[in-house]
N, C-alpha and C. Protein backbone atom coordinates (compact mmCIF):
# COMPACT_ATOMS: atom_id res chain seq x y z
N UNK A 1 -0.83 3.31 -25.99
CA UNK A 1 -2.45 2.84 -27.19
C UNK A 1 -3.37 3.36 -26.55
N UNK A 2 -4.44 3.95 -27.20
CA UNK A 2 -5.95 4.52 -26.40
C UNK A 2 -6.17 3.93 -26.52
N UNK A 3 -7.61 4.51 -25.03
CA UNK A 3 -8.35 3.44 -24.84
C UNK A 3 -9.58 3.41 -26.35
N UNK A 4 -9.46 3.74 -27.43
CA UNK A 4 -10.03 3.88 -28.68
C UNK A 4 -9.66 2.29 -29.65
N UNK A 5 -8.05 2.29 -29.26
CA UNK A 5 -7.88 1.21 -29.62
C UNK A 5 -7.29 0.16 -29.00
N UNK A 6 -8.43 -0.51 -28.15
CA UNK A 6 -9.03 -1.97 -27.04
C UNK A 6 -8.81 -3.30 -27.83
N UNK A 7 -8.37 -4.18 -27.77
CA UNK A 7 -8.76 -4.82 -29.08
C UNK A 7 -9.84 -5.94 -27.50
N UNK A 8 -11.15 -6.73 -27.68
CA UNK A 8 -11.17 -7.11 -27.54
C UNK A 8 -10.84 -8.62 -26.94
N UNK A 9 -11.28 -9.39 -25.52
CA UNK A 9 -11.08 -10.61 -25.36
C UNK A 9 -11.48 -11.37 -26.08
N UNK A 10 -10.59 -12.72 -26.13
CA UNK A 10 -11.58 -13.82 -26.74
C UNK A 10 -11.88 -14.67 -26.00
N UNK A 11 -12.65 -15.89 -26.21
CA UNK A 11 -13.90 -16.70 -25.82
C UNK A 11 -12.33 -17.02 -25.25
N UNK A 12 -11.00 -18.00 -25.40
CA UNK A 12 -10.42 -18.17 -24.37
C UNK A 12 -10.28 -17.70 -23.23
N UNK A 13 -9.90 -16.24 -23.24
CA UNK A 13 -9.83 -15.57 -22.34
C UNK A 13 -10.87 -15.29 -21.27
N UNK A 14 -11.59 -14.83 -22.14
CA UNK A 14 -12.58 -14.97 -21.45
C UNK A 14 -13.65 -15.67 -20.11
N UNK A 15 -13.00 -17.43 -20.51
CA UNK A 15 -13.04 -18.69 -19.92
C UNK A 15 -12.59 -18.25 -18.66
N UNK A 16 -11.04 -17.96 -19.55
CA UNK A 16 -10.14 -18.51 -18.50
C UNK A 16 -10.31 -17.27 -16.72
N UNK A 17 -10.07 -15.83 -17.41
CA UNK A 17 -11.34 -14.58 -16.51
C UNK A 17 -12.37 -15.15 -15.57
N UNK A 18 -13.18 -15.64 -16.26
CA UNK A 18 -14.66 -16.47 -15.21
C UNK A 18 -13.68 -18.22 -14.47
N UNK A 19 -13.07 -18.41 -14.95
CA UNK A 19 -12.65 -19.84 -13.77
C UNK A 19 -11.43 -18.85 -12.83
N UNK A 20 -11.23 -17.64 -13.17
CA UNK A 20 -10.58 -17.20 -11.94
C UNK A 20 -11.31 -16.29 -11.04
N UNK A 21 -12.64 -15.68 -11.17
CA UNK A 21 -12.87 -14.80 -10.97
C UNK A 21 -14.07 -15.66 -9.86
N UNK A 22 -14.11 -17.37 -10.44
CA UNK A 22 -14.76 -18.43 -9.86
C UNK A 22 -14.70 -18.69 -8.38
N UNK A 23 -12.71 -18.61 -9.11
CA UNK A 23 -11.96 -19.98 -7.55
C UNK A 23 -11.52 -18.53 -6.74
N UNK A 24 -11.77 -17.48 -6.63
CA UNK A 24 -12.16 -16.45 -6.08
C UNK A 24 -12.82 -16.32 -5.55
N UNK A 25 -13.74 -16.31 -5.97
CA UNK A 25 -15.26 -16.45 -5.06
C UNK A 25 -15.34 -17.22 -4.35
N UNK A 26 -14.79 -19.06 -4.83
CA UNK A 26 -14.30 -19.52 -3.84
C UNK A 26 -13.91 -19.73 -2.63
N UNK A 27 -13.01 -19.25 -3.28
CA UNK A 27 -11.76 -19.35 -2.00
C UNK A 27 -12.45 -18.22 -0.66
N UNK A 28 -12.82 -17.46 -1.22
CA UNK A 28 -13.69 -16.01 -1.19
C UNK A 28 -14.48 -16.73 0.71
N UNK A 29 -15.11 -17.93 0.59
CA UNK A 29 -16.61 -17.87 0.81
C UNK A 29 -16.38 -18.81 1.86
N UNK A 30 -14.83 -19.84 2.22
CA UNK A 30 -14.27 -21.43 2.19
C UNK A 30 -13.62 -20.62 2.98
N UNK A 31 -12.98 -19.74 3.16
CA UNK A 31 -11.98 -18.65 4.06
C UNK A 31 -12.14 -17.39 4.57
N UNK A 32 -13.19 -17.02 4.92
CA UNK A 32 -13.58 -15.60 4.82
C UNK A 32 -12.85 -14.69 6.15
N UNK A 33 -11.63 -15.42 7.00
CA UNK A 33 -11.48 -15.06 8.18
C UNK A 33 -9.65 -14.60 7.11
N UNK A 34 -9.26 -16.07 6.97
CA UNK A 34 -7.59 -15.90 6.69
C UNK A 34 -7.65 -14.56 4.92
N UNK A 35 -8.45 -14.79 4.80
CA UNK A 35 -8.70 -13.76 3.47
C UNK A 35 -8.56 -12.15 4.37
N UNK A 36 -9.48 -12.09 5.20
CA UNK A 36 -9.21 -10.79 6.09
C UNK A 36 -8.50 -10.23 6.46
N UNK A 37 -7.36 -11.74 7.38
CA UNK A 37 -6.42 -11.78 8.66
C UNK A 37 -5.35 -10.93 6.90
N UNK A 38 -5.68 -11.62 6.55
CA UNK A 38 -4.77 -11.69 4.66
C UNK A 38 -4.76 -9.76 4.52
N UNK A 39 -6.00 -9.35 4.41
CA UNK A 39 -5.92 -7.59 3.47
C UNK A 39 -5.21 -6.76 5.15
N UNK A 40 -5.93 -7.53 5.91
CA UNK A 40 -5.29 -6.41 8.10
C UNK A 40 -4.12 -6.31 7.62
N UNK A 41 -3.65 -7.50 7.45
CA UNK A 41 -2.33 -7.50 7.11
C UNK A 41 -0.95 -6.52 6.78
N UNK A 42 -1.94 -6.42 5.58
CA UNK A 42 -0.68 -6.22 4.22
C UNK A 42 -1.36 -4.57 4.69
N UNK A 43 -3.21 -4.07 4.91
CA UNK A 43 -3.23 -2.66 5.27
C UNK A 43 -1.58 -2.24 6.52
N UNK A 44 -1.95 -2.94 7.62
CA UNK A 44 -1.19 -1.89 8.79
C UNK A 44 0.05 -2.37 8.31
N UNK A 45 0.69 -3.33 7.75
CA UNK A 45 2.07 -3.10 6.88
C UNK A 45 2.19 -2.08 6.00
N UNK A 46 1.31 -1.07 5.85
CA UNK A 46 1.59 -0.57 4.56
C UNK A 46 2.24 1.12 5.82
N UNK A 47 0.75 0.66 7.09
CA UNK A 47 0.86 2.05 7.38
C UNK A 47 2.52 1.89 8.75
N UNK A 48 2.68 1.35 8.88
CA UNK A 48 3.19 0.89 9.63
C UNK A 48 5.29 0.93 8.67
N UNK A 49 5.08 0.74 8.00
CA UNK A 49 6.22 1.19 6.42
C UNK A 49 6.27 2.47 6.67
N UNK A 50 5.25 3.02 6.12
CA UNK A 50 4.97 4.22 5.79
C UNK A 50 5.50 5.39 7.76
N UNK A 51 4.81 5.11 8.32
CA UNK A 51 5.29 5.71 9.65
C UNK A 51 6.36 5.16 10.14
N UNK A 52 7.21 4.56 9.74
CA UNK A 52 8.77 4.18 9.47
C UNK A 52 9.50 5.03 8.86
N UNK A 53 9.43 5.69 7.62
CA UNK A 53 9.14 5.90 6.57
C UNK A 53 9.30 7.74 7.63
N UNK A 54 8.32 8.19 8.00
CA UNK A 54 8.30 9.56 8.73
C UNK A 54 9.11 9.90 9.80
N UNK A 55 9.20 8.69 10.73
CA UNK A 55 10.26 9.02 11.57
C UNK A 55 11.50 9.49 10.88
N UNK A 56 11.83 9.04 9.79
CA UNK A 56 13.03 8.59 9.78
C UNK A 56 13.83 10.83 9.22
N UNK A 57 12.73 11.28 8.97
CA UNK A 57 12.59 12.64 9.06
C UNK A 57 12.70 13.29 9.42
N UNK A 58 14.01 14.20 10.45
CA UNK A 58 14.17 14.73 11.35
C UNK A 58 13.10 16.00 11.55
N UNK A 59 12.74 16.67 10.02
CA UNK A 59 11.86 17.55 10.39
C UNK A 59 10.50 17.04 10.99
N UNK A 60 9.61 15.76 10.21
CA UNK A 60 8.73 15.58 11.09
C UNK A 60 9.22 14.60 11.90
N UNK A 61 10.00 14.51 12.77
CA UNK A 61 9.40 13.97 14.25
C UNK A 61 9.59 15.33 15.50
N UNK A 62 10.28 15.94 14.74
CA UNK A 62 10.77 17.40 15.41
C UNK A 62 9.49 18.32 15.80
N UNK A 63 9.45 18.46 14.52
CA UNK A 63 7.99 19.23 14.36
C UNK A 63 6.54 18.43 13.56
N UNK A 64 5.87 17.93 14.69
CA UNK A 64 5.13 17.51 14.44
C UNK A 64 3.48 17.28 13.80
N UNK A 65 3.21 19.11 13.70
CA UNK A 65 2.76 20.20 13.02
C UNK A 65 2.77 20.65 11.71
N UNK A 66 3.72 20.30 11.31
CA UNK A 66 4.12 19.98 10.16
C UNK A 66 3.89 18.48 9.23
N UNK A 67 3.47 18.22 9.49
CA UNK A 67 3.51 16.86 8.92
C UNK A 67 2.03 17.04 9.51
N UNK A 68 0.99 17.30 10.58
CA UNK A 68 -0.41 17.74 10.20
C UNK A 68 -0.77 18.65 9.43
N UNK A 69 0.10 19.82 9.31
CA UNK A 69 -0.77 20.30 8.18
C UNK A 69 -0.33 19.87 6.83
N UNK A 70 0.64 18.66 7.10
CA UNK A 70 0.77 18.39 4.98
C UNK A 70 -0.17 17.56 5.60
N UNK A 71 -0.86 17.26 5.83
CA UNK A 71 -1.82 15.82 6.37
C UNK A 71 -3.20 15.99 6.01
N UNK A 72 -3.92 17.65 6.39
CA UNK A 72 -4.82 17.75 6.24
C UNK A 72 -4.33 18.30 5.16
N UNK A 73 -3.53 19.62 4.77
CA UNK A 73 -3.47 19.56 3.06
C UNK A 73 -4.33 18.85 2.41
N UNK A 74 -3.52 17.15 2.02
CA UNK A 74 -2.80 16.22 0.90
C UNK A 74 -5.02 17.03 1.29
N UNK A 75 -4.96 15.77 2.51
CA UNK A 75 -6.40 15.18 2.24
C UNK A 75 -7.85 15.90 1.11
N UNK A 76 -7.33 17.40 1.90
CA UNK A 76 -8.02 18.91 1.06
C UNK A 76 -8.23 18.87 0.11
N UNK A 77 -7.35 18.07 -0.85
CA UNK A 77 -6.61 18.90 -2.42
C UNK A 77 -7.27 16.99 -2.61
N UNK A 78 -7.40 15.96 -2.06
CA UNK A 78 -8.53 14.97 -2.27
C UNK A 78 -9.56 15.36 -2.20
N UNK A 79 -10.00 15.35 -1.78
CA UNK A 79 -11.42 15.62 -1.38
C UNK A 79 -11.70 16.81 -3.16
N UNK A 80 -11.02 17.53 -2.48
CA UNK A 80 -12.04 18.38 -3.31
C UNK A 80 -11.47 17.78 -5.27
N UNK A 81 -10.47 17.30 -5.36
CA UNK A 81 -10.40 16.67 -6.57
C UNK A 81 -11.49 15.54 -7.00
N UNK A 82 -11.53 14.61 -5.54
CA UNK A 82 -12.27 13.73 -5.78
C UNK A 82 -14.29 14.23 -6.49
N UNK A 83 -14.52 15.68 -5.89
CA UNK A 83 -15.70 15.97 -5.64
C UNK A 83 -15.53 16.55 -7.35
N UNK A 84 -14.47 17.10 -7.81
CA UNK A 84 -14.23 17.24 -9.00
C UNK A 84 -14.67 16.29 -10.43
N UNK A 85 -14.45 14.29 -9.79
CA UNK A 85 -14.30 13.55 -10.29
C UNK A 85 -15.89 13.55 -11.04
N UNK A 86 -16.60 13.76 -9.71
CA UNK A 86 -17.80 13.03 -9.44
C UNK A 86 -18.91 14.09 -10.32
């Protein structure tokens, strides 16, 4: 399906989306610390899991400079792609 073929939301779908957004905003206002801690836990879990995956590759464990180089190249590529998108 191409973007040109998008079907607009029905009134019922729009009401449902508005209610979900309202509930999410209410939850964020009532429990800001819980939301922040949950987001932080998720982010840290992803980083820790990624670290463990990298630790299982002997090449990166024995030669961390290769990992640093790959990281810098990745940052350079994503940075140039970001500039092109803007």
